């Protein structure tokens, strides 16, 4: 007993497999573009004056070193409760501000 495939069945399977391959290709391309955009963005650290002007009266809730060159402050506005992750210069991280300080 031989099973014959009609042209109509074969055509539907071809369309489905083509659609799946195209979907995988589009997802892979989107991932590559997204990864390239996120890894090549530069993080400009705030210096002393910029930090004072932008985050006046914010409270420093946490600070840590993300990588060898990236220093991070978590700042919270005490009135609105807004949180902000600020990349700062190394001298601010090491010497100027401590957890619990208010940016003045």
PDB file of N, CA and C in Angstrom:
ATOM      1  N   UNK A   1       0.843  -1.172   0.000  1.00  0.00           N
ATOM      2  CA  UNK A   1       0.000   0.000   0.000  1.00  0.00           C
ATOM      3  C   UNK A   1       0.892   1.241   0.000  1.00  0.00           C
ATOM      4  N   UNK A   2       0.674   2.078  -0.947  1.00  0.00           N
ATOM      5  CA  UNK A   2       1.460   3.289  -1.102  1.00  0.00           C
ATOM      6  C   UNK A   2       0.591   4.492  -0.779  1.00  0.00           C
ATOM      7  N   UNK A   3       1.161   5.393   0.036  1.00  0.00           N
ATOM      8  CA  UNK A   3       0.436   6.611   0.386  1.00  0.00           C
ATOM      9  C   UNK A   3       0.898   7.712  -0.533  1.00  0.00           C
ATOM     10  N   UNK A   4      -0.034   8.313  -1.170  1.00  0.00           N
ATOM     11  CA  UNK A   4       0.299   9.397  -2.081  1.00  0.00           C
ATOM     12  C   UNK A   4       0.069  10.730  -1.376  1.00  0.00           C
ATOM     13  N   UNK A   5       0.973  11.607  -1.585  1.00  0.00           N
ATOM     14  CA  UNK A   5       0.765  12.955  -1.073  1.00  0.00           C
ATOM     15  C   UNK A   5       0.302  13.819  -2.225  1.00  0.00           C
ATOM     16  N   UNK A   6      -0.686  14.555  -1.945  1.00  0.00           N
ATOM     17  CA  UNK A   6      -1.181  15.446  -2.988  1.00  0.00           C
ATOM     18  C   UNK A   6      -0.393  16.739  -2.942  1.00  0.00           C
ATOM     19  N   UNK A   7      -0.464  17.457  -3.993  1.00  0.00           N
ATOM     20  CA  UNK A   7       0.254  18.727  -4.084  1.00  0.00           C
ATOM     21  C   UNK A   7      -0.260  19.702  -3.038  1.00  0.00           C
ATOM     22  N   UNK A   8      -1.503  19.633  -2.726  1.00  0.00           N
ATOM     23  CA  UNK A   8      -2.111  20.554  -1.767  1.00  0.00           C
ATOM     24  C   UNK A   8      -1.530  20.328  -0.367  1.00  0.00           C
ATOM     25  N   UNK A   9      -1.369  19.087   0.080  1.00  0.00           N
ATOM     26  CA  UNK A   9      -0.801  18.790   1.389  1.00  0.00           C
ATOM     27  C   UNK A   9       0.658  19.222   1.459  1.00  0.00           C
ATOM     28  N   UNK A  10       1.387  18.965   0.433  1.00  0.00           N
ATOM     29  CA  UNK A  10       2.791  19.330   0.396  1.00  0.00           C
ATOM     30  C   UNK A  10       2.955  20.846   0.430  1.00  0.00           C
ATOM     31  N   UNK A  11       2.106  21.558  -0.232  1.00  0.00           N
ATOM     32  CA  UNK A  11       2.157  23.006  -0.272  1.00  0.00           C
ATOM     33  C   UNK A  11       1.913  23.590   1.115  1.00  0.00           C
ATOM     34  N   UNK A  12       0.988  23.055   1.877  1.00  0.00           N
ATOM     35  CA  UNK A  12       0.691  23.547   3.225  1.00  0.00           C
ATOM     36  C   UNK A  12       1.882  23.302   4.146  1.00  0.00           C
ATOM     37  N   UNK A  13       2.476  22.116   4.060  1.00  0.00           N
ATOM     38  CA  UNK A  13       3.633  21.813   4.893  1.00  0.00           C
ATOM     39  C   UNK A  13       4.820  22.713   4.543  1.00  0.00           C
ATOM     40  N   UNK A  14       5.008  22.992   3.288  1.00  0.00           N
ATOM     41  CA  UNK A  14       6.081  23.892   2.876  1.00  0.00           C
ATOM     42  C   UNK A  14       5.864  25.297   3.434  1.00  0.00           C
ATOM     43  N   UNK A  15       4.638  25.776   3.411  1.00  0.00           N
ATOM     44  CA  UNK A  15       4.336  27.106   3.944  1.00  0.00           C
ATOM     45  C   UNK A  15       4.586  27.165   5.443  1.00  0.00           C
ATOM     46  N   UNK A  16       4.187  26.114   6.153  1.00  0.00           N
ATOM     47  CA  UNK A  16       4.387  26.087   7.600  1.00  0.00           C
ATOM     48  C   UNK A  16       5.875  26.057   7.938  1.00  0.00           C
ATOM     49  N   UNK A  17       6.622  25.210   7.277  1.00  0.00           N
ATOM     50  CA  UNK A  17       8.059  25.116   7.571  1.00  0.00           C
ATOM     51  C   UNK A  17       8.783  26.405   7.181  1.00  0.00           C
ATOM     52  N   UNK A  18       8.398  27.025   6.100  1.00  0.00           N
ATOM     53  CA  UNK A  18       8.987  28.299   5.697  1.00  0.00           C
ATOM     54  C   UNK A  18       8.687  29.380   6.726  1.00  0.00           C
ATOM     55  N   UNK A  19       7.473  29.398   7.226  1.00  0.00           N
ATOM     56  CA  UNK A  19       7.094  30.390   8.233  1.00  0.00           C
ATOM     57  C   UNK A  19       7.883  30.184   9.526  1.00  0.00           C
ATOM     58  N   UNK A  20       8.088  28.951   9.924  1.00  0.00           N
ATOM     59  CA  UNK A  20       8.847  28.665  11.143  1.00  0.00           C
ATOM     60  C   UNK A  20      10.305  29.081  10.980  1.00  0.00           C
ATOM     61  N   UNK A  21      10.896  28.776   9.847  1.00  0.00           N
ATOM     62  CA  UNK A  21      12.284  29.166   9.597  1.00  0.00           C
ATOM     63  C   UNK A  21      12.418  30.680   9.585  1.00  0.00           C
ATOM     64  N   UNK A  22      11.496  31.365   8.954  1.00  0.00           N
ATOM     65  CA  UNK A  22      11.529  32.828   8.918  1.00  0.00           C
ATOM     66  C   UNK A  22      11.366  33.413  10.323  1.00  0.00           C
ATOM     67  N   UNK A  23      10.501  32.836  11.125  1.00  0.00           N
ATOM     68  CA  UNK A  23      10.292  33.309  12.489  1.00  0.00           C
ATOM     69  C   UNK A  23      11.560  33.138  13.326  1.00  0.00           C
ATOM     70  N   UNK A  24      12.225  32.016  13.181  1.00  0.00           N
ATOM     71  CA  UNK A  24      13.473  31.786  13.907  1.00  0.00           C
ATOM     72  C   UNK A  24      14.545  32.779  13.460  1.00  0.00           C
ATOM     73  N   UNK A  25      14.625  33.035  12.166  1.00  0.00           N
ATOM     74  CA  UNK A  25      15.607  33.995  11.652  1.00  0.00           C
ATOM     75  C   UNK A  25      15.335  35.410  12.158  1.00  0.00           C
ATOM     76  N   UNK A  26      14.098  35.816  12.165  1.00  0.00           N
ATOM     77  CA  UNK A  26      13.741  37.156  12.643  1.00  0.00           C
ATOM     78  C   UNK A  26      14.046  37.283  14.133  1.00  0.00           C
ATOM     79  N   UNK A  27      13.739  36.255  14.917  1.00  0.00           N
ATOM     80  CA  UNK A  27      14.035  36.290  16.354  1.00  0.00           C
ATOM     81  C   UNK A  27      15.540  36.370  16.600  1.00  0.00           C
ATOM     82  N   UNK A  28      16.313  35.609  15.859  1.00  0.00           N
ATOM     83  CA  UNK A  28      17.769  35.630  16.014  1.00  0.00           C
ATOM     84  C   UNK A  28      18.332  36.995  15.634  1.00  0.00           C
ATOM     85  N   UNK A  29      17.856  37.569  14.555  1.00  0.00           N
ATOM     86  CA  UNK A  29      18.309  38.883  14.129  1.00  0.00           C
ATOM     87  C   UNK A  29      17.938  39.954  15.149  1.00  0.00           C
ATOM     88  N   UNK A  30      16.726  39.887  15.679  1.00  0.00           N
ATOM     89  CA  UNK A  30      16.298  40.848  16.701  1.00  0.00           C
ATOM     90  C   UNK A  30      17.161  40.737  17.952  1.00  0.00           C
ATOM     91  N   UNK A  31      17.493  39.523  18.349  1.00  0.00           N
ATOM     92  CA  UNK A  31      18.338  39.333  19.524  1.00  0.00           C
ATOM     93  C   UNK A  31      19.732  39.904  19.292  1.00  0.00           C
ATOM     94  N   UNK A  32      20.294  39.696  18.110  1.00  0.00           N
ATOM     95  CA  UNK A  32      21.626  40.211  17.791  1.00  0.00           C
ATOM     96  C   UNK A  32      21.637  41.732  17.816  1.00  0.00           C
ATOM     97  N   UNK A  33      20.625  42.358  17.235  1.00  0.00           N
ATOM     98  CA  UNK A  33      20.545  43.819  17.214  1.00  0.00           C
ATOM     99  C   UNK A  33      20.354  44.356  18.625  1.00  0.00           C
ATOM    100  N   UNK A  34      19.473  43.748  19.396  1.00  0.00           N
ATOM    101  CA  UNK A  34      19.220  44.194  20.774  1.00  0.00           C
ATOM    102  C   UNK A  34      20.483  44.070  21.621  1.00  0.00           C
ATOM    103  N   UNK A  35      21.205  42.981  21.487  1.00  0.00           N
ATOM    104  CA  UNK A  35      22.426  42.767  22.241  1.00  0.00           C
ATOM    105  C   UNK A  35      23.500  43.781  21.838  1.00  0.00           C
ATOM    106  N   UNK A  36      23.593  44.088  20.568  1.00  0.00           N
ATOM    107  CA  UNK A  36      24.581  45.051  20.093  1.00  0.00           C
ATOM    108  C   UNK A  36      24.282  46.452  20.609  1.00  0.00           C
ATOM    109  N   UNK A  37      23.025  46.802  20.683  1.00  0.00           N
ATOM    110  CA  UNK A  37      22.645  48.128  21.178  1.00  0.00           C
ATOM    111  C   UNK A  37      22.933  48.242  22.669  1.00  0.00           C
ATOM    112  N   UNK A  38      22.607  47.220  23.439  1.00  0.00           N
ATOM    113  CA  UNK A  38      22.788  47.284  24.889  1.00  0.00           C
ATOM    114  C   UNK A  38      24.244  47.213  25.316  1.00  0.00           C
ATOM    115  N   UNK A  39      25.075  46.474  24.628  1.00  0.00           N
ATOM    116  CA  UNK A  39      26.457  46.327  25.063  1.00  0.00           C
ATOM    117  C   UNK A  39      27.330  47.499  24.649  1.00  0.00           C
ATOM    118  N   UNK A  40      26.938  48.244  23.647  1.00  0.00           N
ATOM    119  CA  UNK A  40      27.778  49.328  23.173  1.00  0.00           C
ATOM    120  C   UNK A  40      27.330  50.701  23.643  1.00  0.00           C
ATOM    121  N   UNK A  41      26.367  50.762  24.538  1.00  0.00           N
ATOM    122  CA  UNK A  41      25.978  52.053  25.067  1.00  0.00           C
ATOM    123  C   UNK A  41      26.987  52.464  26.134  1.00  0.00           C
ATOM    124  N   UNK A  42      27.395  53.692  26.089  1.00  0.00           N
ATOM    125  CA  UNK A  42      28.360  54.177  27.072  1.00  0.00           C
ATOM    126  C   UNK A  42      27.613  54.763  28.254  1.00  0.00           C
ATOM    127  N   UNK A  43      28.154  54.527  29.415  1.00  0.00           N
ATOM    128  CA  UNK A  43      27.559  55.049  30.635  1.00  0.00           C
ATOM    129  C   UNK A  43      28.405  56.231  31.078  1.00  0.00           C
ATOM    130  N   UNK A  44      27.905  57.422  30.882  1.00  0.00           N
ATOM    131  CA  UNK A  44      28.635  58.615  31.280  1.00  0.00           C
ATOM    132  C   UNK A  44      28.462  58.804  32.780  1.00  0.00           C
ATOM    133  N   UNK A  45      29.537  58.766  33.538  1.00  0.00           N
ATOM    134  CA  UNK A  45      29.406  58.941  34.987  1.00  0.00           C
ATOM    135  C   UNK A  45      29.173  60.407  35.343  1.00  0.00           C
ATOM    136  N   UNK A  46      28.389  60.604  36.403  1.00  0.00           N
ATOM    137  CA  UNK A  46      28.170  61.953  36.910  1.00  0.00           C
ATOM    138  C   UNK A  46      29.393  62.399  37.693  1.00  0.00           C
ATOM    139  N   UNK A  47      29.778  63.657  37.534  1.00  0.00           N
ATOM    140  CA  UNK A  47      30.822  64.207  38.380  1.00  0.00           C
ATOM    141  C   UNK A  47      30.151  64.931  39.554  1.00  0.00           C
ATOM    142  N   UNK A  48      30.928  65.592  40.372  1.00  0.00           N
ATOM    143  CA  UNK A  48      30.417  66.186  41.609  1.00  0.00           C
ATOM    144  C   UNK A  48      29.330  67.232  41.338  1.00  0.00           C
ATOM    145  N   UNK A  49      29.583  68.136  40.421  1.00  0.00           N
ATOM    146  CA  UNK A  49      28.640  69.221  40.142  1.00  0.00           C
ATOM    147  C   UNK A  49      27.370  68.688  39.486  1.00  0.00           C
ATOM    148  N   UNK A  50      27.523  67.787  38.526  1.00  0.00           N
ATOM    149  CA  UNK A  50      26.347  67.203  37.866  1.00  0.00           C
ATOM    150  C   UNK A  50      25.457  66.473  38.864  1.00  0.00           C
ATOM    151  N   UNK A  51      26.070  65.731  39.761  1.00  0.00           N
ATOM    152  CA  UNK A  51      25.310  64.988  40.764  1.00  0.00           C
ATOM    153  C   UNK A  51      24.548  65.936  41.681  1.00  0.00           C
ATOM    154  N   UNK A  52      25.175  67.029  42.086  1.00  0.00           N
ATOM    155  CA  UNK A  52      24.502  68.004  42.943  1.00  0.00           C
ATOM    156  C   UNK A  52      23.350  68.693  42.222  1.00  0.00           C
ATOM    157  N   UNK A  53      23.546  69.027  40.973  1.00  0.00           N
ATOM    158  CA  UNK A  53      22.498  69.744  40.232  1.00  0.00           C
ATOM    159  C   UNK A  53      21.319  68.828  39.888  1.00  0.00           C
ATOM    160  N   UNK A  54      21.586  67.607  39.512  1.00  0.00           N
ATOM    161  CA  UNK A  54      20.525  66.696  39.063  1.00  0.00           C
ATOM    162  C   UNK A  54      19.778  66.044  40.218  1.00  0.00           C
ATOM    163  N   UNK A  55      20.477  65.723  41.300  1.00  0.00           N
ATOM    164  CA  UNK A  55      19.882  64.935  42.383  1.00  0.00           C
ATOM    165  C   UNK A  55      19.916  65.666  43.722  1.00  0.00           C
ATOM    166  N   UNK A  56      19.677  66.945  43.713  1.00  0.00           N
ATOM    167  CA  UNK A  56      19.679  67.706  44.961  1.00  0.00           C
ATOM    168  C   UNK A  56      18.585  67.169  45.878  1.00  0.00           C
ATOM    169  N   UNK A  57      18.938  66.931  47.126  1.00  0.00           N
ATOM    170  CA  UNK A  57      18.061  66.430  48.191  1.00  0.00           C
ATOM    171  C   UNK A  57      17.697  64.951  48.048  1.00  0.00           C
ATOM    172  N   UNK A  58      18.298  64.236  47.128  1.00  0.00           N
ATOM    173  CA  UNK A  58      18.111  62.785  47.062  1.00  0.00           C
ATOM    174  C   UNK A  58      18.957  62.139  48.162  1.00  0.00           C
ATOM    175  N   UNK A  59      18.524  60.972  48.621  1.00  0.00           N
ATOM    176  CA  UNK A  59      19.243  60.245  49.661  1.00  0.00           C
ATOM    177  C   UNK A  59      19.917  59.031  49.034  1.00  0.00           C
ATOM    178  N   UNK A  60      21.178  58.829  49.396  1.00  0.00           N
ATOM    179  CA  UNK A  60      21.943  57.692  48.900  1.00  0.00           C
ATOM    180  C   UNK A  60      21.574  56.455  49.721  1.00  0.00           C
ATOM    181  N   UNK A  61      20.936  55.473  49.077  1.00  0.00           N
ATOM    182  CA  UNK A  61      20.490  54.284  49.802  1.00  0.00           C
ATOM    183  C   UNK A  61      21.430  53.101  49.633  1.00  0.00           C
ATOM    184  N   UNK A  62      22.177  53.055  48.539  1.00  0.00           N
ATOM    185  CA  UNK A  62      23.098  51.943  48.314  1.00  0.00           C
ATOM    186  C   UNK A  62      24.153  52.389  47.322  1.00  0.00           C
ATOM    187  N   UNK A  63      25.347  51.869  47.499  1.00  0.00           N
ATOM    188  CA  UNK A  63      26.407  52.127  46.516  1.00  0.00           C
ATOM    189  C   UNK A  63      27.227  50.868  46.361  1.00  0.00           C
ATOM    190  N   UNK A  64      27.638  50.598  45.119  1.00  0.00           N
ATOM    191  CA  UNK A  64      28.441  49.423  44.844  1.00  0.00           C
ATOM    192  C   UNK A  64      29.218  49.622  43.552  1.00  0.00           C
ATOM    193  N   UNK A  65      30.170  48.739  43.345  1.00  0.00           N
ATOM    194  CA  UNK A  65      30.984  48.775  42.136  1.00  0.00           C
ATOM    195  C   UNK A  65      30.489  47.692  41.198  1.00  0.00           C
ATOM    196  N   UNK A  66      29.930  48.093  40.052  1.00  0.00           N
ATOM    197  CA  UNK A  66      29.344  47.151  39.105  1.00  0.00           C
ATOM    198  C   UNK A  66      30.410  46.396  38.318  1.00  0.00           C
ATOM    199  N   UNK A  67      31.370  47.113  37.794  1.00  0.00           N
ATOM    200  CA  UNK A  67      32.517  46.500  37.113  1.00  0.00           C
ATOM    201  C   UNK A  67      33.763  47.216  37.608  1.00  0.00           C
ATOM    202  N   UNK A  68      34.883  46.949  36.962  1.00  0.00           N
ATOM    203  CA  UNK A  68      36.131  47.601  37.390  1.00  0.00           C
ATOM    204  C   UNK A  68      36.076  49.117  37.246  1.00  0.00           C
ATOM    205  N   UNK A  69      35.322  49.592  36.273  1.00  0.00           N
ATOM    206  CA  UNK A  69      35.300  51.030  36.003  1.00  0.00           C
ATOM    207  C   UNK A  69      33.953  51.688  36.267  1.00  0.00           C
ATOM    208  N   UNK A  70      32.929  50.921  36.587  1.00  0.00           N
ATOM    209  CA  UNK A  70      31.588  51.476  36.781  1.00  0.00           C
ATOM    210  C   UNK A  70      31.219  51.473  38.262  1.00  0.00           C
ATOM    211  N   UNK A  71      30.956  52.674  38.785  1.00  0.00           N
ATOM    212  CA  UNK A  71      30.548  52.843  40.169  1.00  0.00           C
ATOM    213  C   UNK A  71      29.108  53.327  40.190  1.00  0.00           C
ATOM    214  N   UNK A  72      28.278  52.744  41.043  1.00  0.00           N
ATOM    215  CA  UNK A  72      26.842  52.990  41.006  1.00  0.00           C
ATOM    216  C   UNK A  72      26.353  53.495  42.357  1.00  0.00           C
ATOM    217  N   UNK A  73      25.501  54.523  42.320  1.00  0.00           N
ATOM    218  CA  UNK A  73      24.761  54.990  43.494  1.00  0.00           C
ATOM    219  C   UNK A  73      23.286  54.711  43.253  1.00  0.00           C
ATOM    220  N   UNK A  74      22.599  54.183  44.258  1.00  0.00           N
ATOM    221  CA  UNK A  74      21.141  54.119  44.231  1.00  0.00           C
ATOM    222  C   UNK A  74      20.636  55.296  45.037  1.00  0.00           C
ATOM    223  N   UNK A  75      19.908  56.188  44.376  1.00  0.00           N
ATOM    224  CA  UNK A  75      19.409  57.397  45.010  1.00  0.00           C
ATOM    225  C   UNK A  75      17.894  57.350  45.095  1.00  0.00           C
ATOM    226  N   UNK A  76      17.339  57.885  46.183  1.00  0.00           N
ATOM    227  CA  UNK A  76      15.887  57.906  46.379  1.00  0.00           C
ATOM    228  C   UNK A  76      15.467  59.325  46.729  1.00  0.00           C
ATOM    229  N   UNK A  77      14.417  59.794  46.071  1.00  0.00           N
ATOM    230  CA  UNK A  77      13.820  61.071  46.417  1.00  0.00           C
ATOM    231  C   UNK A  77      12.926  60.842  47.628  1.00  0.00           C
ATOM    232  N   UNK A  78      13.187  61.496  48.758  1.00  0.00           N
ATOM    233  CA  UNK A  78      12.403  61.223  49.964  1.00  0.00           C
ATOM    234  C   UNK A  78      10.950  61.690  49.875  1.00  0.00           C
ATOM    235  N   UNK A  79      10.654  62.627  49.003  1.00  0.00           N
ATOM    236  CA  UNK A  79       9.288  63.155  48.891  1.00  0.00           C
ATOM    237  C   UNK A  79       8.426  62.251  48.011  1.00  0.00           C
ATOM    238  N   UNK A  80       8.918  61.927  46.822  1.00  0.00           N
ATOM    239  CA  UNK A  80       8.113  61.158  45.872  1.00  0.00           C
ATOM    240  C   UNK A  80       8.396  59.661  45.922  1.00  0.00           C
ATOM    241  N   UNK A  81       9.542  59.277  46.476  1.00  0.00           N
ATOM    242  CA  UNK A  81       9.900  57.867  46.523  1.00  0.00           C
ATOM    243  C   UNK A  81      10.513  57.356  45.229  1.00  0.00           C
ATOM    244  N   UNK A  82      10.805  58.242  44.292  1.00  0.00           N
ATOM    245  CA  UNK A  82      11.433  57.839  43.030  1.00  0.00           C
ATOM    246  C   UNK A  82      12.842  57.331  43.292  1.00  0.00           C
ATOM    247  N   UNK A  83      13.188  56.213  42.658  1.00  0.00           N
ATOM    248  CA  UNK A  83      14.528  55.649  42.776  1.00  0.00           C
ATOM    249  C   UNK A  83      15.278  55.871  41.470  1.00  0.00           C
ATOM    250  N   UNK A  84      16.578  56.065  41.571  1.00  0.00           N
ATOM    251  CA  UNK A  84      17.387  56.287  40.390  1.00  0.00           C
ATOM    252  C   UNK A  84      18.732  55.596  40.564  1.00  0.00           C
ATOM    253  N   UNK A  85      19.193  54.965  39.508  1.00  0.00           N
ATOM    254  CA  UNK A  85      20.504  54.318  39.483  1.00  0.00           C
ATOM    255  C   UNK A  85      21.443  55.243  38.729  1.00  0.00           C
ATOM    256  N   UNK A  86      22.393  55.840  39.448  1.00  0.00           N
ATOM    257  CA  UNK A  86      23.303  56.814  38.849  1.00  0.00           C
ATOM    258  C   UNK A  86      24.714  56.253  38.802  1.00  0.00           C
ATOM    259  N   UNK A  87      25.334  56.332  37.635  1.00  0.00           N
ATOM    260  CA  UNK A  87      26.735  55.972  37.494  1.00  0.00           C
ATOM    261  C   UNK A  87      27.560  57.204  37.833  1.00  0.00           C
ATOM    262  N   UNK A  88      28.509  57.052  38.750  1.00  0.00           N
ATOM    263  CA  UNK A  88      29.274  58.198  39.244  1.00  0.00           C
ATOM    264  C   UNK A  88      30.764  57.969  39.027  1.00  0.00           C
ATOM    265  N   UNK A  89      31.509  59.062  39.144  1.00  0.00           N
ATOM    266  CA  UNK A  89      32.961  59.000  39.006  1.00  0.00           C
ATOM    267  C   UNK A  89      33.561  58.277  40.213  1.00  0.00           C
ATOM    268  N   UNK A  90      34.744  57.760  40.013  1.00  0.00           N
ATOM    269  CA  UNK A  90      35.364  56.951  41.061  1.00  0.00           C
ATOM    270  C   UNK A  90      35.668  57.736  42.332  1.00  0.00           C
ATOM    271  N   UNK A  91      36.048  59.015  42.232  1.00  0.00           N
ATOM    272  CA  UNK A  91      36.377  59.776  43.430  1.00  0.00           C
ATOM    273  C   UNK A  91      35.141  60.048  44.283  1.00  0.00           C
ATOM    274  N   UNK A  92      33.950  60.151  43.643  1.00  0.00           N
ATOM    275  CA  UNK A  92      32.720  60.304  44.427  1.00  0.00           C
ATOM    276  C   UNK A  92      32.413  59.026  45.194  1.00  0.00           C
ATOM    277  N   UNK A  93      32.622  57.909  44.540  1.00  0.00           N
ATOM    278  CA  UNK A  93      32.344  56.619  45.168  1.00  0.00           C
ATOM    279  C   UNK A  93      33.284  56.370  46.339  1.00  0.00           C
ATOM    280  N   UNK A  94      34.547  56.687  46.173  1.00  0.00           N
ATOM    281  CA  UNK A  94      35.552  56.371  47.193  1.00  0.00           C
ATOM    282  C   UNK A  94      35.548  57.336  48.365  1.00  0.00           C
ATOM    283  N   UNK A  95      35.375  58.635  48.112  1.00  0.00           N
ATOM    284  CA  UNK A  95      35.687  59.619  49.142  1.00  0.00           C
ATOM    285  C   UNK A  95      34.538  60.507  49.613  1.00  0.00           C
ATOM    286  N   UNK A  96      33.612  60.849  48.750  1.00  0.00           N
ATOM    287  CA  UNK A  96      32.714  61.951  49.074  1.00  0.00           C
ATOM    288  C   UNK A  96      31.435  61.506  49.771  1.00  0.00           C
ATOM    289  N   UNK A  97      30.707  60.556  49.191  1.00  0.00           N
ATOM    290  CA  UNK A  97      29.387  60.213  49.712  1.00  0.00           C
ATOM    291  C   UNK A  97      29.371  58.833  50.344  1.00  0.00           C
ATOM    292  N   UNK A  98      28.560  58.704  51.390  1.00  0.00           N
ATOM    293  CA  UNK A  98      28.383  57.430  52.095  1.00  0.00           C
ATOM    294  C   UNK A  98      26.903  57.116  52.164  1.00  0.00           C
ATOM    295  N   UNK A  99      26.552  55.856  52.383  1.00  0.00           N
ATOM    296  CA  UNK A  99      25.151  55.455  52.445  1.00  0.00           C
ATOM    297  C   UNK A  99      24.460  56.216  53.568  1.00  0.00           C
ATOM    298  N   UNK A 100      23.314  56.806  53.243  1.00  0.00           N
ATOM    299  CA  UNK A 100      22.563  57.616  54.199  1.00  0.00           C
ATOM    300  C   UNK A 100      22.777  59.112  54.002  1.00  0.00           C
ATOM    301  N   UNK A 101      23.759  59.502  53.219  1.00  0.00           N
ATOM    302  CA  UNK A 101      24.014  60.915  52.963  1.00  0.00           C
ATOM    303  C   UNK A 101      22.941  61.498  52.050  1.00  0.00           C
ATOM    304  N   UNK A 102      22.710  62.786  52.217  1.00  0.00           N
ATOM    305  CA  UNK A 102      21.823  63.527  51.330  1.00  0.00           C
ATOM    306  C   UNK A 102      22.687  64.319  50.361  1.00  0.00           C
ATOM    307  N   UNK A 103      22.327  64.295  49.089  1.00  0.00           N
ATOM    308  CA  UNK A 103      23.068  65.077  48.097  1.00  0.00           C
ATOM    309  C   UNK A 103      22.675  66.538  48.305  1.00  0.00           C
ATOM    310  N   UNK A 104      23.647  67.350  48.638  1.00  0.00           N
ATOM    311  CA  UNK A 104      23.370  68.774  48.925  1.00  0.00           C
ATOM    312  C   UNK A 104      23.976  69.658  47.885  1.00  0.00           C
TER     313      UNK A 104
END
